[in-house]
Amino acid sequence: MEKKTFSPWKWQDERSYVQAVEVKNNTGTLYCSGQAAIDSNGISSNEDMKSQLQQSISNLEEVITSAGYECEGIVRLNVYTTSMEELWPHFPILQEWIARHNIKQALTAMEVNVLFETLKVELEATVVK
């Protein structure tokens, strides 16, 4: 797989994303459903934003690796949250995970009115290899 990123500016670097990603010669593409803080029994979390973000990251990573892909192959990441104000202080948790896996992805983050049941954050990814 050949992956090339494009960012005509530098300001997005501190926010842990790139403006565009081009992929050539990939051998597979994985479209992940939104991953949230739902445990292995299907129970939605009642925990705070930080705990839910950590569980969402863990669930996303588990889906990606169990499908035979690597987190480094993420080219698109969408973040949905019921409160950007509540999420923002914990955003470094996501940034550290992105850095640890050397992920270079296009990113959209948006606040939504409601997520499923008691959920506060959901991560949706496109991964290539």
C-alpha atoms as a PDB file:
ATOM      1  CA  MET A   1       0.000   0.000   0.000  1.00  0.00           C
ATOM      2  CA  GLU A   2       1.157   3.500  -0.809  1.00  0.00           C
ATOM      3  CA  LYS A   3      -0.196   6.252   1.437  1.00  0.00           C
ATOM      4  CA  LYS A   4       0.448   9.945   0.879  1.00  0.00           C
ATOM      5  CA  THR A   5      -0.842  12.769   3.075  1.00  0.00           C
ATOM      6  CA  PHE A   6      -1.546  16.380   2.165  1.00  0.00           C
ATOM      7  CA  SER A   7      -1.672  19.388   4.487  1.00  0.00           C
ATOM      8  CA  PRO A   8      -1.005  22.785   2.946  1.00  0.00           C
ATOM      9  CA  TRP A   9      -0.883  24.340   6.433  1.00  0.00           C
ATOM     10  CA  LYS A  10       0.815  23.457   9.730  1.00  0.00           C
ATOM     11  CA  TRP A  11      -1.941  24.315  12.232  1.00  0.00           C
ATOM     12  CA  GLN A  12      -3.641  20.907  11.988  1.00  0.00           C
ATOM     13  CA  ASP A  13      -0.455  19.156  13.152  1.00  0.00           C
ATOM     14  CA  GLU A  14      -1.167  20.133  16.781  1.00  0.00           C
ATOM     15  CA  ARG A  15      -4.641  18.627  16.377  1.00  0.00           C
ATOM     16  CA  SER A  16      -3.293  15.252  15.231  1.00  0.00           C
ATOM     17  CA  TYR A  17      -4.667  14.996  11.717  1.00  0.00           C
ATOM     18  CA  VAL A  18      -3.942  15.789   8.073  1.00  0.00           C
ATOM     19  CA  GLN A  19      -6.109  17.553   5.509  1.00  0.00           C
ATOM     20  CA  ALA A  20      -6.241  14.674   3.006  1.00  0.00           C
ATOM     21  CA  VAL A  21      -4.970  11.129   2.509  1.00  0.00           C
ATOM     22  CA  GLU A  22      -4.359   9.442  -0.832  1.00  0.00           C
ATOM     23  CA  VAL A  23      -4.095   5.648  -0.956  1.00  0.00           C
ATOM     24  CA  LYS A  24      -2.776   3.665  -3.908  1.00  0.00           C
ATOM     25  CA  ASN A  25      -2.134  -0.038  -4.373  1.00  0.00           C
ATOM     26  CA  ASN A  26      -4.005  -1.107  -1.265  1.00  0.00           C
ATOM     27  CA  THR A  27      -4.995  -4.743  -0.809  1.00  0.00           C
ATOM     28  CA  GLY A  28      -8.055  -4.133   1.343  1.00  0.00           C
ATOM     29  CA  THR A  29     -10.301  -1.495   2.854  1.00  0.00           C
ATOM     30  CA  LEU A  30     -12.101  -1.888   6.181  1.00  0.00           C
ATOM     31  CA  TYR A  31     -15.100   0.337   6.938  1.00  0.00           C
ATOM     32  CA  CYS A  32     -15.670   0.284  10.692  1.00  0.00           C
ATOM     33  CA  SER A  33     -19.031   1.016  12.284  1.00  0.00           C
ATOM     34  CA  GLY A  34     -18.959   3.631  14.987  1.00  0.00           C
ATOM     35  CA  GLN A  35     -17.297   2.206  18.084  1.00  0.00           C
ATOM     36  CA  ALA A  36     -18.491   3.454  21.449  1.00  0.00           C
ATOM     37  CA  ALA A  37     -18.227   2.489  25.110  1.00  0.00           C
ATOM     38  CA  ILE A  38     -20.210  -0.733  24.883  1.00  0.00           C
ATOM     39  CA  ASP A  39     -18.852  -3.768  26.730  1.00  0.00           C
ATOM     40  CA  SER A  40     -18.523  -7.300  25.349  1.00  0.00           C
ATOM     41  CA  ASN A  41     -22.021  -8.113  26.658  1.00  0.00           C
ATOM     42  CA  GLY A  42     -23.580  -5.225  24.695  1.00  0.00           C
ATOM     43  CA  ILE A  43     -24.093  -2.977  27.730  1.00  0.00           C
ATOM     44  CA  SER A  44     -23.691   0.762  27.107  1.00  0.00           C
ATOM     45  CA  SER A  45     -21.491   2.644  29.567  1.00  0.00           C
ATOM     46  CA  ASN A  46     -22.844   5.085  32.147  1.00  0.00           C
ATOM     47  CA  GLU A  47     -19.317   6.339  32.876  1.00  0.00           C
ATOM     48  CA  ASP A  48     -17.868   9.804  32.280  1.00  0.00           C
ATOM     49  CA  MET A  49     -16.526  11.123  28.964  1.00  0.00           C
ATOM     50  CA  LYS A  50     -12.913  10.146  29.709  1.00  0.00           C
ATOM     51  CA  SER A  51     -13.813   6.525  30.462  1.00  0.00           C
ATOM     52  CA  GLN A  52     -16.100   6.323  27.452  1.00  0.00           C
ATOM     53  CA  LEU A  53     -13.416   7.723  25.149  1.00  0.00           C
ATOM     54  CA  GLN A  54     -10.893   5.181  26.423  1.00  0.00           C
ATOM     55  CA  GLN A  55     -13.348   2.312  25.897  1.00  0.00           C
ATOM     56  CA  SER A  56     -14.288   3.591  22.433  1.00  0.00           C
ATOM     57  CA  ILE A  57     -10.610   3.646  21.424  1.00  0.00           C
ATOM     58  CA  SER A  58     -10.111   0.154  22.825  1.00  0.00           C
ATOM     59  CA  ASN A  59     -13.162  -1.182  20.973  1.00  0.00           C
ATOM     60  CA  LEU A  60     -12.070   0.438  17.695  1.00  0.00           C
ATOM     61  CA  GLU A  61      -8.604  -1.047  18.028  1.00  0.00           C
ATOM     62  CA  GLU A  62     -10.076  -4.483  18.749  1.00  0.00           C
ATOM     63  CA  VAL A  63     -12.308  -4.362  15.658  1.00  0.00           C
ATOM     64  CA  ILE A  64      -9.392  -3.281  13.455  1.00  0.00           C
ATOM     65  CA  THR A  65      -6.909  -5.869  14.699  1.00  0.00           C
ATOM     66  CA  SER A  66      -9.414  -8.735  14.787  1.00  0.00           C
ATOM     67  CA  ALA A  67     -10.138  -8.022  11.116  1.00  0.00           C
ATOM     68  CA  GLY A  68      -6.414  -8.424  10.332  1.00  0.00           C
ATOM     69  CA  TYR A  69      -5.681  -4.722   9.856  1.00  0.00           C
ATOM     70  CA  GLU A  70      -3.401  -2.334  11.751  1.00  0.00           C
ATOM     71  CA  CYS A  71      -4.347   0.967  13.384  1.00  0.00           C
ATOM     72  CA  GLU A  72      -1.594   2.677  11.382  1.00  0.00           C
ATOM     73  CA  GLY A  73      -3.749   2.014   8.301  1.00  0.00           C
ATOM     74  CA  ILE A  74      -6.519   4.351   9.472  1.00  0.00           C
ATOM     75  CA  VAL A  75      -7.040   6.964   6.742  1.00  0.00           C
ATOM     76  CA  ARG A  76     -10.338   8.457   7.945  1.00  0.00           C
ATOM     77  CA  LEU A  77     -11.546   8.991  11.514  1.00  0.00           C
ATOM     78  CA  ASN A  78     -14.886  10.532  12.455  1.00  0.00           C
ATOM     79  CA  VAL A  79     -15.517  11.535  16.059  1.00  0.00           C
ATOM     80  CA  TYR A  80     -19.097  12.043  17.205  1.00  0.00           C
ATOM     81  CA  THR A  81     -19.796  13.407  20.677  1.00  0.00           C
ATOM     82  CA  THR A  82     -22.757  14.671  22.626  1.00  0.00           C
ATOM     83  CA  SER A  83     -20.554  17.424  24.076  1.00  0.00           C
ATOM     84  CA  MET A  84     -17.450  18.869  22.433  1.00  0.00           C
ATOM     85  CA  GLU A  85     -16.925  20.908  25.605  1.00  0.00           C
ATOM     86  CA  GLU A  86     -16.863  17.726  27.704  1.00  0.00           C
ATOM     87  CA  LEU A  87     -14.699  15.823  25.194  1.00  0.00           C
ATOM     88  CA  TRP A  88     -12.068  18.495  24.546  1.00  0.00           C
ATOM     89  CA  PRO A  89     -10.155  18.203  27.883  1.00  0.00           C
ATOM     90  CA  HIS A  90      -9.722  14.469  27.153  1.00  0.00           C
ATOM     91  CA  PHE A  91      -8.774  14.876  23.482  1.00  0.00           C
ATOM     92  CA  PRO A  92      -5.066  14.287  24.330  1.00  0.00           C
ATOM     93  CA  ILE A  93      -6.006  10.652  25.081  1.00  0.00           C
ATOM     94  CA  LEU A  94      -7.033  10.254  21.437  1.00  0.00           C
ATOM     95  CA  GLN A  95      -3.997  12.217  20.240  1.00  0.00           C
ATOM     96  CA  GLU A  96      -1.627   9.961  22.212  1.00  0.00           C
ATOM     97  CA  TRP A  97      -3.255   6.862  20.717  1.00  0.00           C
ATOM     98  CA  ILE A  98      -2.935   8.365  17.219  1.00  0.00           C
ATOM     99  CA  ALA A  99       0.757   9.139  17.817  1.00  0.00           C
ATOM    100  CA  ARG A 100       1.477   5.700  19.331  1.00  0.00           C
ATOM    101  CA  HIS A 101       0.177   4.002  16.182  1.00  0.00           C
ATOM    102  CA  ASN A 102       1.692   6.555  13.774  1.00  0.00           C
ATOM    103  CA  ILE A 103      -1.751   7.236  12.313  1.00  0.00           C
ATOM    104  CA  LYS A 104      -2.005   9.947   9.644  1.00  0.00           C
ATOM    105  CA  GLN A 105      -5.698  10.391   8.977  1.00  0.00           C
ATOM    106  CA  ALA A 106      -8.267  12.835   7.726  1.00  0.00           C
ATOM    107  CA  LEU A 107     -10.509  13.682  10.682  1.00  0.00           C
ATOM    108  CA  THR A 108     -13.955  15.109  11.296  1.00  0.00           C
ATOM    109  CA  ALA A 109     -15.205  15.832  14.807  1.00  0.00           C
ATOM    110  CA  MET A 110     -18.771  16.883  15.416  1.00  0.00           C
ATOM    111  CA  GLU A 111     -21.210  17.389  18.218  1.00  0.00           C
ATOM    112  CA  VAL A 112     -24.519  15.578  17.876  1.00  0.00           C
ATOM    113  CA  ASN A 113     -27.718  15.819  19.919  1.00  0.00           C
ATOM    114  CA  VAL A 114     -27.744  12.220  21.055  1.00  0.00           C
ATOM    115  CA  LEU A 115     -25.957   8.903  20.636  1.00  0.00           C
ATOM    116  CA  PHE A 116     -27.298   5.434  21.429  1.00  0.00           C
ATOM    117  CA  GLU A 117     -28.608   5.024  24.994  1.00  0.00           C
ATOM    118  CA  THR A 118     -26.144   6.588  27.494  1.00  0.00           C
ATOM    119  CA  LEU A 119     -23.202   6.987  25.110  1.00  0.00           C
ATOM    120  CA  LYS A 120     -21.221  10.231  24.873  1.00  0.00           C
ATOM    121  CA  VAL A 121     -18.604   9.551  22.176  1.00  0.00           C
ATOM    122  CA  GLU A 122     -18.335   7.332  19.105  1.00  0.00           C
ATOM    123  CA  LEU A 123     -15.382   6.713  16.757  1.00  0.00           C
ATOM    124  CA  GLU A 124     -15.854   5.664  13.133  1.00  0.00           C
ATOM    125  CA  ALA A 125     -12.868   4.706  10.960  1.00  0.00           C
ATOM    126  CA  THR A 126     -11.824   3.679   7.466  1.00  0.00           C
ATOM    127  CA  VAL A 127      -8.699   1.514   7.432  1.00  0.00           C
ATOM    128  CA  VAL A 128      -6.564   0.299   4.502  1.00  0.00           C
ATOM    129  CA  LYS A 129      -3.778  -2.210   4.042  1.00  0.00           C
END
